[in-house]
Protein backbone atom coordinates (compact mmCIF):
# COMPACT_ATOMS: atom_id res chain seq x y z
CA LEU A 1 34.60 104.13 -9.09
CA ALA A 2 36.11 101.72 -11.65
CA TYR A 3 32.72 101.71 -13.46
CA PHE A 4 32.92 105.31 -13.66
CA PHE A 5 36.42 105.82 -14.82
CA ALA A 6 35.84 103.00 -17.52
CA LEU A 7 32.87 105.21 -18.82
CA ILE A 8 34.99 108.20 -19.08
CA PHE A 9 37.86 106.23 -20.92
CA LEU A 10 35.56 104.92 -23.33
CA THR A 11 33.83 108.17 -24.00
CA LEU A 12 37.14 109.71 -24.66
CA SER A 13 38.48 106.86 -26.91
CA SER A 14 35.29 106.58 -28.95
CA SER A 15 34.91 108.27 -32.18
CA ALA A 16 31.26 107.49 -32.37
CA ARG A 17 28.42 110.40 -32.10
CA PHE A 18 26.48 111.02 -29.07
CA SER A 19 22.99 110.13 -28.44
CA SER A 20 20.48 112.26 -27.04
CA PRO A 21 19.95 112.12 -23.21
CA VAL A 22 17.83 109.55 -21.67
CA HIS A 23 17.22 108.15 -18.30
CA PHE A 24 19.83 105.86 -16.74
CA PRO A 25 19.57 104.19 -13.41
CA SER A 26 21.59 105.98 -10.76
CA ASN A 27 22.67 102.70 -9.16
CA PRO A 28 24.46 100.40 -11.77
CA THR A 29 25.43 97.77 -9.26
CA SER A 30 21.73 96.95 -8.41
CA LEU A 31 21.47 95.23 -12.03
CA GLN A 32 22.32 91.45 -11.09
CA THR A 33 22.67 89.62 -14.53
CA ALA A 34 24.69 90.33 -17.64
CA THR A 35 21.13 90.58 -19.49
CA ASP A 36 19.94 93.48 -17.24
CA GLN A 37 23.45 95.29 -17.32
CA TYR A 38 23.72 95.11 -21.05
CA HIS A 39 20.13 96.12 -21.46
CA CYS A 40 21.03 99.46 -19.48
CA LEU A 41 23.94 99.84 -21.50
CA ASN A 42 21.87 99.90 -24.57
CA ILE A 43 20.15 102.93 -22.75
CA ASN A 44 22.82 105.51 -23.13
CA PRO A 45 23.48 108.02 -20.80
CA LEU A 46 24.34 111.67 -21.56
CA ALA A 47 28.01 111.29 -21.71
CA PHE A 48 28.01 107.67 -22.98
CA PRO A 49 28.89 107.32 -26.82
CA ALA A 50 26.32 105.73 -28.96
CA ILE A 51 26.98 104.12 -32.13
CA SER A 52 24.53 106.35 -34.27
CA SER A 53 26.12 106.60 -37.71
CA THR A 54 23.92 106.80 -40.68
CA ARG A 55 26.29 104.85 -42.65
CA ARG A 56 26.44 101.21 -41.85
CA ARG A 57 29.56 100.24 -40.35
CA SER A 58 31.05 96.68 -40.68
CA ILE A 59 30.84 94.07 -38.01
CA HIS A 60 34.43 94.75 -36.82
CA SER A 61 33.50 98.36 -36.30
CA LEU A 62 30.41 97.71 -34.63
CA HIS A 63 31.90 95.57 -32.06
CA SER A 64 34.58 97.84 -31.07
CA PRO A 65 36.21 98.18 -27.82
CA LEU A 66 33.36 100.13 -26.61
CA ILE A 67 31.14 97.32 -26.74
CA THR A 68 33.53 94.49 -25.46
CA ALA A 69 34.63 96.67 -22.69
CA SER A 70 30.86 97.25 -21.84
CA LEU A 71 30.17 93.46 -21.78
CA LEU A 72 33.19 92.61 -19.64
CA LEU A 73 31.84 95.29 -17.14
CA ALA A 74 28.90 93.14 -16.70
CA GLY A 75 30.86 90.97 -14.64
CA ASP A 76 29.04 87.66 -15.48
CA ILE A 77 30.31 87.12 -19.15
CA HIS A 78 32.03 83.89 -19.83
CA PRO A 79 34.22 83.77 -23.18
CA HIS A 80 32.70 80.50 -24.12
CA PRO A 81 29.54 80.45 -22.54
CA GLY A 82 27.43 77.73 -24.49
CA PRO A 83 23.79 76.82 -23.81
CA SER A 84 23.15 76.51 -20.10
CA SER A 85 21.14 73.25 -20.76
CA SER A 86 20.55 71.05 -23.54
CA LYS A 87 17.45 69.31 -25.09
CA LEU A 88 16.93 65.68 -25.02
CA SER A 89 14.50 64.52 -27.63
CA ILE A 90 12.35 61.54 -27.16
CA PHE A 91 10.02 60.09 -29.98
CA TYR A 92 7.10 58.11 -29.25
CA LEU A 93 4.72 56.12 -31.11
CA ASN A 94 2.13 53.30 -31.30
CA ILE A 95 3.64 51.64 -34.30
CA ARG A 96 1.35 48.50 -34.41
CA SER A 97 3.79 45.94 -35.53
CA LEU A 98 7.51 46.47 -35.76
CA LEU A 99 7.60 43.23 -38.01
CA GLN A 100 5.92 44.73 -41.14
CA PRO A 101 8.02 44.61 -44.22
CA LYS A 102 8.11 48.40 -44.59
CA ARG A 103 8.96 49.20 -40.83
CA PRO A 104 12.71 48.96 -41.26
CA SER A 105 12.52 51.63 -43.94
CA GLN A 106 9.95 54.04 -41.97
CA ILE A 107 12.19 53.73 -38.94
CA PHE A 108 15.24 54.69 -40.77
CA ASP A 109 13.19 57.81 -42.16
CA ILE A 110 12.44 58.63 -38.41
CA THR A 111 16.09 58.48 -37.32
CA ASP A 112 17.53 60.11 -40.23
CA SER A 113 15.14 63.02 -40.45
CA LEU A 114 14.47 63.77 -36.65
CA HIS A 115 17.52 62.29 -35.03
CA PRO A 116 15.83 61.33 -31.74
CA ASP A 117 17.94 60.30 -28.80
CA LEU A 118 15.37 57.76 -27.64
CA ILE A 119 12.52 56.21 -29.39
CA CYS A 120 9.71 54.47 -27.48
CA LEU A 121 7.45 52.13 -29.36
CA THR A 122 4.24 50.33 -28.26
CA GLU A 123 2.22 47.50 -29.87
CA THR A 124 5.41 46.21 -31.48
CA TRP A 125 3.82 42.74 -31.64
CA VAL A 126 7.13 41.01 -31.07
CA THR A 127 7.05 37.63 -29.35
CA PRO A 128 9.76 35.60 -27.43
CA ASP A 129 9.86 33.39 -30.66
CA THR A 130 10.90 36.61 -32.98
CA SER A 131 14.23 35.71 -34.40
CA SER A 132 17.33 38.00 -33.81
CA SER A 133 17.73 38.88 -37.45
CA CYS A 134 14.18 40.35 -37.75
CA LEU A 135 14.85 42.49 -34.57
CA ALA A 136 18.35 43.56 -36.15
CA ASP A 137 16.66 44.54 -39.40
CA VAL A 138 14.59 47.10 -37.55
CA THR A 139 17.46 48.56 -35.69
CA PRO A 140 18.99 51.45 -37.55
CA SER A 141 22.53 52.13 -37.50
CA GLY A 142 23.67 54.10 -34.62
CA TYR A 143 21.00 52.78 -32.20
CA SER A 144 20.34 49.89 -29.97
CA LEU A 145 17.29 48.09 -29.56
CA PHE A 146 15.75 47.00 -26.57
CA SER A 147 12.59 44.83 -26.93
CA PHE A 148 9.97 43.48 -24.31
CA PRO A 149 7.53 41.14 -25.56
CA SER A 150 4.05 41.13 -24.33
CA SER A 151 3.86 39.98 -20.77
CA ILE A 152 0.82 37.64 -21.39
CA TYR A 153 1.99 36.09 -24.63
CA LYS A 154 1.68 32.22 -24.34
CA PRO A 155 2.82 30.51 -27.51
CA THR A 156 0.64 27.96 -28.90
CA PRO A 157 0.55 26.43 -32.38
CA SER A 158 -2.56 28.20 -33.15
CA THR A 159 -1.58 31.54 -31.37
CA LEU A 160 -0.50 34.37 -33.58
CA ALA A 161 1.27 37.62 -32.43
CA ARG A 162 -1.22 39.92 -34.10
CA THR A 163 -3.91 38.20 -32.20
CA LEU A 164 -2.43 39.38 -28.96
CA GLY A 165 -0.74 42.57 -29.94
CA GLY A 166 1.19 44.48 -27.10
CA GLY A 167 4.97 44.64 -26.66
CA THR A 168 7.02 47.66 -26.16
CA ALA A 169 10.58 48.51 -27.23
CA PHE A 170 13.07 51.13 -26.93
CA LEU A 171 15.73 52.34 -29.32
CA VAL A 172 18.63 54.31 -27.77
CA ARG A 173 20.86 56.41 -29.93
CA GLU A 174 24.64 56.13 -29.36
CA PRO A 175 26.61 56.97 -27.37
CA PHE A 176 23.94 56.97 -24.60
CA SER A 177 24.52 54.26 -21.90
CA ALA A 178 21.29 52.74 -21.10
CA VAL A 179 20.34 50.23 -18.47
CA SER A 180 17.21 48.04 -19.02
CA LEU A 181 15.50 47.65 -15.52
CA SER A 182 13.25 44.57 -14.47
CA SER A 183 9.69 45.87 -14.06
CA PRO A 184 6.98 43.97 -12.40
CA THR A 185 4.52 42.09 -14.52
CA PHE A 186 0.78 43.12 -14.68
CA SER A 187 -2.02 41.34 -16.30
CA SER A 188 -3.71 44.42 -17.68
CA PHE A 189 -1.06 46.16 -19.29
CA ASP A 190 2.56 46.03 -20.61
CA VAL A 191 5.27 47.93 -18.95
CA SER A 192 8.96 48.37 -19.49
CA SER A 193 11.55 50.66 -18.47
CA ILE A 194 15.03 52.10 -19.05
CA THR A 195 17.27 54.45 -17.52
CA LEU A 196 19.73 56.78 -19.33
CA GLN A 197 22.85 57.64 -17.96
CA LEU A 198 23.29 61.37 -18.79
CA LEU A 199 25.99 63.78 -18.12
CA SER A 200 25.45 64.56 -14.62
CA SER A 201 22.17 62.90 -13.90
CA LYS A 202 19.83 59.81 -14.88
CA LEU A 203 16.44 59.74 -16.54
CA THR A 204 14.18 56.56 -16.27
CA VAL A 205 11.45 56.24 -19.08
CA PHE A 206 8.50 53.95 -18.28
CA ASN A 207 6.66 52.76 -21.56
CA ILE A 208 3.06 51.42 -21.20
CA TYR A 209 0.63 49.64 -23.36
CA ARG A 210 -2.75 48.93 -22.29
CA ARG A 211 -5.23 46.85 -24.38
CA PRO A 212 -8.69 48.31 -25.32
CA SER A 213 -11.74 47.11 -23.76
CA SER A 214 -12.54 45.51 -27.19
CA SER A 215 -9.49 43.33 -27.06
CA ILE A 216 -10.11 39.61 -25.80
CA HIS A 217 -7.01 39.94 -23.54
CA SER A 218 -8.28 43.33 -21.78
CA GLN A 219 -8.91 43.16 -18.31
CA LYS A 220 -11.58 44.81 -16.10
CA LEU A 221 -11.01 48.62 -15.21
CA SER A 222 -11.01 47.87 -11.73
CA VAL A 223 -8.07 45.38 -12.34
CA PHE A 224 -6.32 48.06 -13.99
CA PHE A 225 -6.75 50.95 -11.69
CA ASP A 226 -5.50 48.40 -8.66
CA GLN A 227 -2.38 47.31 -10.65
CA PHE A 228 -1.56 50.90 -12.03
CA GLN A 229 -1.57 52.16 -8.55
CA THR A 230 0.81 49.62 -7.52
CA PHE A 231 2.87 50.52 -10.34
CA LEU A 232 2.77 54.43 -9.65
CA THR A 233 3.72 53.32 -6.01
CA SER A 234 6.94 51.82 -7.35
CA ALA A 235 7.67 54.44 -9.91
CA ALA A 236 7.21 57.42 -7.30
CA THR A 237 10.19 56.02 -5.55
CA THR A 238 12.42 56.62 -8.50
CA PRO A 239 15.42 58.87 -6.83
CA HIS A 240 15.85 60.79 -10.26
CA GLU A 241 13.57 62.28 -13.00
CA PHE A 242 11.51 60.06 -14.44
CA LEU A 243 8.94 59.99 -17.41
CA ILE A 244 5.70 57.83 -18.29
CA THR A 245 4.51 57.54 -21.76
CA GLY A 246 2.59 54.85 -23.72
CA ASP A 247 -0.84 54.01 -25.20
CA PHE A 248 -3.50 53.88 -22.24
CA ASN A 249 -6.43 53.56 -24.44
CA PHE A 250 -8.68 56.06 -22.56
CA HIS A 251 -10.20 59.01 -24.15
CA ILE A 252 -8.53 61.42 -21.59
CA ASP A 253 -9.72 64.35 -23.42
CA ASP A 254 -13.30 63.58 -22.68
CA HIS A 255 -13.82 64.99 -18.91
CA THR A 256 -17.12 63.70 -18.71
CA ASP A 257 -16.11 60.02 -19.31
CA SER A 258 -15.97 58.27 -15.89
CA SER A 259 -13.04 56.21 -16.29
CA SER A 260 -11.01 59.16 -17.69
CA GLN A 261 -11.91 60.96 -14.50
CA GLN A 262 -10.74 58.21 -12.41
CA PHE A 263 -7.46 58.15 -14.12
CA ALA A 264 -6.85 61.68 -13.82
CA SER A 265 -7.80 61.42 -10.02
CA LEU A 266 -5.25 58.54 -9.63
CA LEU A 267 -2.48 60.56 -11.36
CA SER A 268 -3.24 63.56 -9.06
CA SER A 269 -3.01 61.48 -5.96
CA PHE A 270 0.70 60.72 -6.91
CA ASN A 271 1.26 64.37 -7.81
CA LEU A 272 1.70 63.33 -11.40
CA SER A 273 0.57 65.56 -14.50
CA GLN A 274 -0.43 64.22 -17.87
CA LEU A 275 0.65 66.60 -20.62
CA VAL A 276 -0.86 65.79 -23.97
CA ASN A 277 -3.75 68.04 -24.88
CA PHE A 278 -4.49 67.11 -28.64
CA PRO A 279 -5.84 64.02 -30.37
CA THR A 280 -3.36 61.30 -30.81
CA HIS A 281 -5.48 58.90 -33.07
CA ASN A 282 -6.74 59.44 -36.59
CA LEU A 283 -10.44 58.88 -35.21
CA GLY A 284 -9.88 61.52 -32.57
CA HIS A 285 -9.36 61.31 -28.89
CA SER A 286 -6.17 61.45 -26.79
CA LEU A 287 -4.94 57.88 -26.23
CA ASP A 288 -0.98 58.22 -26.25
CA LEU A 289 0.09 60.27 -22.84
CA VAL A 290 2.89 61.61 -21.39
CA ILE A 291 3.21 61.82 -17.62
CA LEU A 292 5.58 63.72 -15.27
CA PRO A 293 5.66 64.51 -11.82
CA THR A 294 4.47 67.98 -11.13
CA SER A 295 7.58 69.01 -9.46
CA SER A 296 9.67 68.10 -12.48
CA CYS A 297 12.39 70.30 -13.66
CA LEU A 298 12.53 68.89 -17.24
CA GLN A 299 10.28 71.49 -18.91
CA PRO A 300 8.92 69.23 -21.46
CA LEU A 301 7.74 70.57 -24.77
CA ILE A 302 5.37 68.21 -26.66
CA THR A 303 4.63 68.52 -30.35
CA THR A 304 3.37 66.12 -33.03
CA HIS A 305 4.71 64.91 -36.33
CA PRO A 306 2.27 65.21 -39.43
CA VAL A 307 2.81 61.91 -40.93
CA SER A 308 2.72 58.44 -39.02
CA PRO A 309 3.51 54.99 -40.42
CA SER A 310 0.32 53.76 -38.20
CA ASP A 311 -3.02 55.13 -37.08
CA HIS A 312 -1.58 56.79 -33.99
CA THR A 313 0.11 60.36 -34.05
CA PRO A 314 3.96 60.42 -33.35
CA LEU A 315 4.70 62.32 -30.13
CA LEU A 316 7.97 64.51 -30.11
CA ILE A 317 9.03 65.10 -26.44
CA SER A 318 11.88 67.72 -26.07
CA LEU A 319 12.96 67.72 -22.38
CA THR A 320 15.53 70.20 -20.66
CA ILE A 321 18.21 68.02 -19.48
CA SER A 322 21.93 67.82 -19.97
CA PRO A 323 22.68 64.90 -22.34
CA LEU A 324 25.89 63.39 -23.00
CA PRO A 325 28.71 65.53 -24.25
CA PRO A 326 29.64 64.91 -27.95
CA VAL A 327 32.30 62.20 -28.31
CA PRO A 328 35.72 63.65 -28.55
CA PRO A 329 37.69 63.19 -31.50
CA GLN A 330 40.24 60.59 -31.48
CA LEU A 331 43.72 60.59 -33.29
CA ARG A 332 43.51 57.72 -35.72
CA SER A 333 46.74 56.60 -37.60
CA PHE A 334 46.72 54.53 -40.65
CA ARG A 335 48.59 53.73 -43.93
CA ASN A 336 47.26 54.95 -47.42
CA PHE A 337 47.87 51.64 -49.42
CA ARG A 338 45.51 52.92 -52.23
CA SER A 339 48.52 55.26 -53.47
CA PHE A 340 51.10 52.40 -52.81
CA ASN A 341 53.21 51.75 -55.68
CA ILE A 342 54.14 48.10 -55.93
CA ASP A 343 56.76 48.50 -58.60
CA ASP A 344 58.70 51.18 -56.67
CA PHE A 345 58.45 48.99 -53.49
CA ILE A 346 59.80 45.99 -55.17
CA SER A 347 62.66 48.10 -56.78
CA ASP A 348 63.80 49.44 -53.49
CA LEU A 349 63.52 46.03 -51.85
CA SER A 350 65.74 44.43 -54.57
CA ASP A 351 68.39 47.38 -53.78
CA SER A 352 67.94 46.77 -49.82
CA ARG A 353 70.82 44.94 -47.95
CA LEU A 354 68.33 42.20 -47.24
CA ILE A 355 68.44 41.01 -50.69
CA THR A 356 72.18 42.31 -51.70
CA CYS A 357 73.91 41.41 -48.74
CA PRO A 358 71.80 39.24 -46.44
CA PRO A 359 73.05 38.10 -42.89
CA ASN A 360 74.39 34.73 -42.31
CA SER A 361 72.58 34.01 -38.73
CA LEU A 362 68.90 33.33 -38.62
CA GLY A 363 68.66 35.99 -35.76
CA SER A 364 70.36 38.66 -37.75
CA LEU A 365 68.28 37.81 -40.78
CA LEU A 366 65.02 38.20 -38.92
CA ILE A 367 66.15 41.47 -37.64
CA ALA A 368 67.13 42.52 -41.05
CA TYR A 369 63.96 41.38 -42.60
CA ASP A 370 61.82 43.28 -40.04
CA THR A 371 63.84 46.48 -40.19
CA THR A 372 63.74 46.50 -44.15
CA LEU A 373 60.41 46.23 -44.56
CA HIS A 374 59.26 48.60 -41.86
CA THR A 375 61.54 51.24 -43.32
CA LEU A 376 60.08 50.49 -46.83
CA LEU A 377 56.64 50.59 -45.83
CA ASP A 378 57.32 53.97 -43.96
CA LYS A 379 58.76 55.33 -47.03
CA HIS A 380 55.93 54.07 -49.58
CA ALA A 381 52.82 54.16 -47.45
CA PRO A 382 53.87 56.26 -44.44
CA PHE A 383 51.41 56.43 -41.44
CA ILE A 384 48.95 59.29 -41.69
CA SER A 385 47.37 60.76 -38.41
CA LYS A 386 43.85 62.44 -38.56
CA LEU A 387 41.65 63.58 -35.87
CA ALA A 388 38.54 61.44 -36.33
CA THR A 389 34.96 62.12 -34.85
CA HIS A 390 32.30 59.25 -34.24
CA PRO A 391 31.98 56.95 -37.11
CA SER A 392 29.34 58.04 -39.68
CA HIS A 393 26.94 55.13 -40.30
CA SER A 394 26.35 54.90 -43.96
CA ASN A 395 24.00 52.38 -45.73
CA PRO A 396 25.17 51.05 -49.03
CA TRP A 397 21.74 50.81 -50.13
CA PHE A 398 21.01 54.51 -50.00
CA THR A 399 21.46 55.63 -53.47
CA PRO A 400 21.86 59.24 -54.77
CA ALA A 401 18.35 59.12 -56.17
CA LEU A 402 17.16 58.43 -52.72
CA ARG A 403 19.09 61.35 -51.10
CA ALA A 404 17.50 63.77 -53.90
CA PHE A 405 14.14 62.50 -53.22
CA ARG A 406 14.72 62.89 -49.36
CA SER A 407 15.59 66.60 -50.07
CA VAL A 408 12.31 67.06 -51.90
CA ARG A 409 10.28 65.49 -49.26
CA ARG A 410 12.20 67.79 -46.40
CA SER A 411 11.38 71.01 -48.57
CA ALA A 412 7.53 69.65 -48.74
CA ALA A 413 7.75 69.13 -44.82
CA ASN A 414 9.42 73.04 -44.47
CA PHE A 415 6.64 74.31 -46.77
CA TRP A 416 3.83 72.64 -44.62
CA LYS A 417 5.31 74.12 -41.49
CA ARG A 418 5.24 77.62 -42.88
CA THR A 419 1.67 77.38 -44.22
CA ARG A 420 -0.16 74.47 -42.29
CA SER A 421 -2.31 74.14 -45.37
CA SER A 422 -4.44 70.93 -45.91
CA GLU A 423 -2.83 70.90 -49.39
CA ALA A 424 0.65 71.01 -48.18
CA LEU A 425 0.02 68.36 -45.61
CA SER A 426 -1.64 66.02 -48.25
CA LYS A 427 1.42 66.51 -50.72
CA LEU A 428 3.76 65.73 -47.49
CA LYS A 429 2.12 62.52 -46.78
CA THR A 430 2.00 61.48 -50.53
CA LEU A 431 5.76 61.95 -50.77
CA THR A 432 6.53 60.47 -47.40
CA ASN A 433 4.46 57.20 -48.42
CA LYS A 434 6.44 57.29 -51.83
CA TYR A 435 9.82 57.85 -50.18
CA HIS A 436 9.24 54.80 -47.77
CA LYS A 437 8.52 52.67 -50.90
CA LEU A 438 11.69 53.47 -52.50
CA LEU A 439 13.67 52.99 -49.46
CA HIS A 440 12.11 49.60 -49.28
CA THR A 441 12.84 48.86 -52.98
CA ALA A 442 16.11 50.05 -52.98
CA LYS A 443 17.08 47.60 -49.89
CA LYS A 444 15.36 44.84 -51.61
CA CYS A 445 17.26 45.44 -54.79
CA TYR A 446 20.65 45.78 -53.17
CA PHE A 447 20.39 42.58 -51.20
CA SER A 448 19.13 40.85 -54.14
CA ASN A 449 21.86 41.71 -56.29
CA LEU A 450 24.31 40.97 -53.53
CA ILE A 451 23.02 37.27 -53.46
CA SER A 452 23.11 37.07 -57.30
CA SER A 453 26.41 38.47 -57.81
CA ASN A 454 28.06 35.94 -55.33
CA ALA A 455 25.94 33.03 -56.30
CA GLN A 456 29.22 31.37 -57.88
CA ASN A 457 31.34 31.95 -54.81
CA PRO A 458 30.07 30.05 -51.85
CA ARG A 459 32.37 31.81 -49.50
CA HIS A 460 31.15 35.22 -50.63
CA LEU A 461 27.60 34.05 -50.74
CA TRP A 462 27.62 32.89 -47.22
CA LYS A 463 29.30 36.03 -46.17
CA ALA A 464 26.41 38.04 -47.94
CA VAL A 465 23.76 35.89 -46.20
CA ASN A 466 25.19 36.39 -42.85
CA LYS A 467 25.18 40.10 -43.66
CA ILE A 468 21.69 40.12 -44.71
CA LEU A 469 20.50 38.11 -41.50
CA HIS A 470 22.94 40.31 -39.11
CA ARG A 471 24.80 37.20 -38.09
CA THR A 472 28.17 37.76 -36.66
CA VAL A 473 30.87 35.24 -37.00
CA LYS A 474 32.15 34.11 -33.62
CA HIS A 475 36.11 33.99 -33.30
CA SER A 476 37.12 30.68 -32.72
CA LEU A 477 40.72 31.25 -31.75
CA PRO A 478 41.44 32.69 -28.20
CA SER A 479 43.01 36.14 -27.57
CA SER A 480 46.58 36.02 -28.76
CA SER A 481 49.66 36.70 -26.49
CA PRO A 482 51.91 39.55 -27.21
CA THR A 483 53.41 39.54 -30.59
CA LYS A 484 57.11 38.91 -29.33
CA SER A 485 56.17 36.04 -27.15
CA LEU A 486 53.72 34.29 -29.56
CA PRO A 487 56.21 32.37 -31.63
CA ASP A 488 57.78 31.13 -28.17
CA SER A 489 54.66 30.04 -27.20
CA PHE A 490 53.98 28.17 -30.21
CA ALA A 491 57.44 26.53 -29.86
CA SER A 492 56.71 25.44 -26.47
CA PHE A 493 53.15 24.22 -26.91
CA PHE A 494 54.53 21.69 -29.85
CA THR A 495 57.74 20.91 -27.85
CA ASP A 496 55.60 19.87 -24.85
CA LYS A 497 53.13 18.03 -27.07
CA ILE A 498 55.76 15.85 -28.37
CA ASP A 499 57.40 15.20 -25.09
CA LYS A 500 53.94 14.00 -23.76
CA LEU A 501 53.48 11.75 -26.77
CA ARG A 502 57.06 10.26 -26.12
CA LEU A 503 56.18 9.56 -22.45
CA ALA A 504 52.97 8.18 -23.29
CA PHE A 505 54.72 5.14 -25.44
CA THR A 506 56.19 2.49 -23.00
CA PRO A 507 59.22 0.78 -24.39
CA SER A 508 58.29 -2.78 -25.58
CA ASN A 509 60.40 -5.90 -25.17
CA THR A 510 61.72 -6.84 -28.58
CA THR A 511 63.91 -9.81 -29.11
CA ASN A 512 66.60 -9.86 -31.89
CA PRO A 513 66.25 -12.75 -34.42
C-alpha cells in the first residue's frame, strides 16, 4: 500500500512527461534486491513519470526527488555503500638473483607503478652470509623484507651463491601485519610461508622454488613428489584461506608429459587447482604456478606484465578479500620555526619581566624562565595542528627528470594495453630498460655526491656512510624518566655516588708532628 501511495505522490509532484505504456511486474515485493527493483523502476508503468525531455537536463534536475525516492523504496540502499569487497594484489616473479646491481631500481619501479600489497620472489640467490645492508638496499620504502635463503646452502670457501641459486623472499607493504611461519625443510625444493593479518581474516601464502632437472642440486622426481605430498598434507590443514605460488620447473602446459600429469594428479587428490594457463618463461611453457583450493572464495584473477627484469614472466594475482582499512588520519601538532623571526623574539624577550624584573629566589626564577619562554614561543611559533595521513615515502635521489620519464613510460604502457601491438611492446621494453638505467644512475650519483660533499666533515661523512649502508645508530642512553622528576633523579644519583665514595674511604691514623 505504501508503495502505491508513493507512486501516486511522485506522479502528482513530477513535472516530467509520461512514457509509453510498457509491462510492469504485478508483484513488486517479489523483487528482492535493489538492482532488481531499480531495473523495474526504469521500465516505467503507465502512470509512472519518466524523464523523457528532449532537452538535456542538469545532473541536479535528473536526480530529482523522483529518482531519490524510488531508490529509497528499494529497501536495501545504504547511504554510503562502498565496495562489498576489496582486492588484494600479489606480484610474483622468479627474479634470478636479488643482489644484482640494477635490482633495487627494478624493484622500486615495480612498487612505484603497480603498488602490490605482497611481492613473492623466488631464486633470490640470497645466502646466510648476505649482509643486512645489501638486503636493505633492495627493500623499497613502505615495504618489509622477509628473506629465506636456500635450505641446501652449505657455505664453503669455493661455494658461490649463483652456483646454488634458490632462495625465496616476500616484500610486504605497510601497514599489513605479517607473520613469518616456520616451514619444514625439504631437500628437493625450497619453501617459505607468510601469513597476512587482514581486516577480518587471514591469508597464508606459500612460496616454492624447485630446481630444474639440469641443476646439480636437483633431486629425483620421485623424491620431490614424496616430499611435496608431505608438504601438501601440512598445508591443507591451514585453518584459513591459503595460496601456493612459485617456480616448479614443470612444463605444466604439456599434458603429454608424465611428470606434469603426475603433478596435476597430486594436486587433484588434495582438492587443489592450478590456475596459470599461459607461458611464464621467455622460451615458452608454464613454469611458475598459482595453486588454490578448489573451494576457495578468493576469486583469483591472474594476469601478466609485459616487461620483466628476468627471463620469467611476472604474475599479477588479484584476490577478492578484505584487506586492511586505510590508516586513519592523525592529528599532528608542530611549530613552524621556518617563519620564526629571531629579531622580534629577542626584542620581546628583552622587554619581558624575566629580564627587566627577574625574581630573587631560584624557584621563582625557574618558573619565570619556563613561563616566559613558553609564552614567547606560542606567540612567535604557535602550535599548528593538521590531520596527517600515512607518511609518504619520498626518495631524495628521485629527480624531476626521472618523474617526467616515468610519465613517458606510463603513456607507452597505456598505449600497449590499448593496441597490444608488437611495436608498442618493443617500445615499452626499451623505455623500461632505459628507465631502470636512469634510476640506477640517479641513485649512484646522489650517494657519490653525498660522500664527496661531506669529505671534509668526518661527522657528516660517517652519517652519510651509515645512511648508504642502512645502519641505524643504537641509542646508548636508557629511556628517560618523566621530565619533572628527571632533575631530581640526576641529583639523587650524584649525591648517592658521593656518599658511597665517602663511606669507601676508611679514616687513617695520623699523628701530629
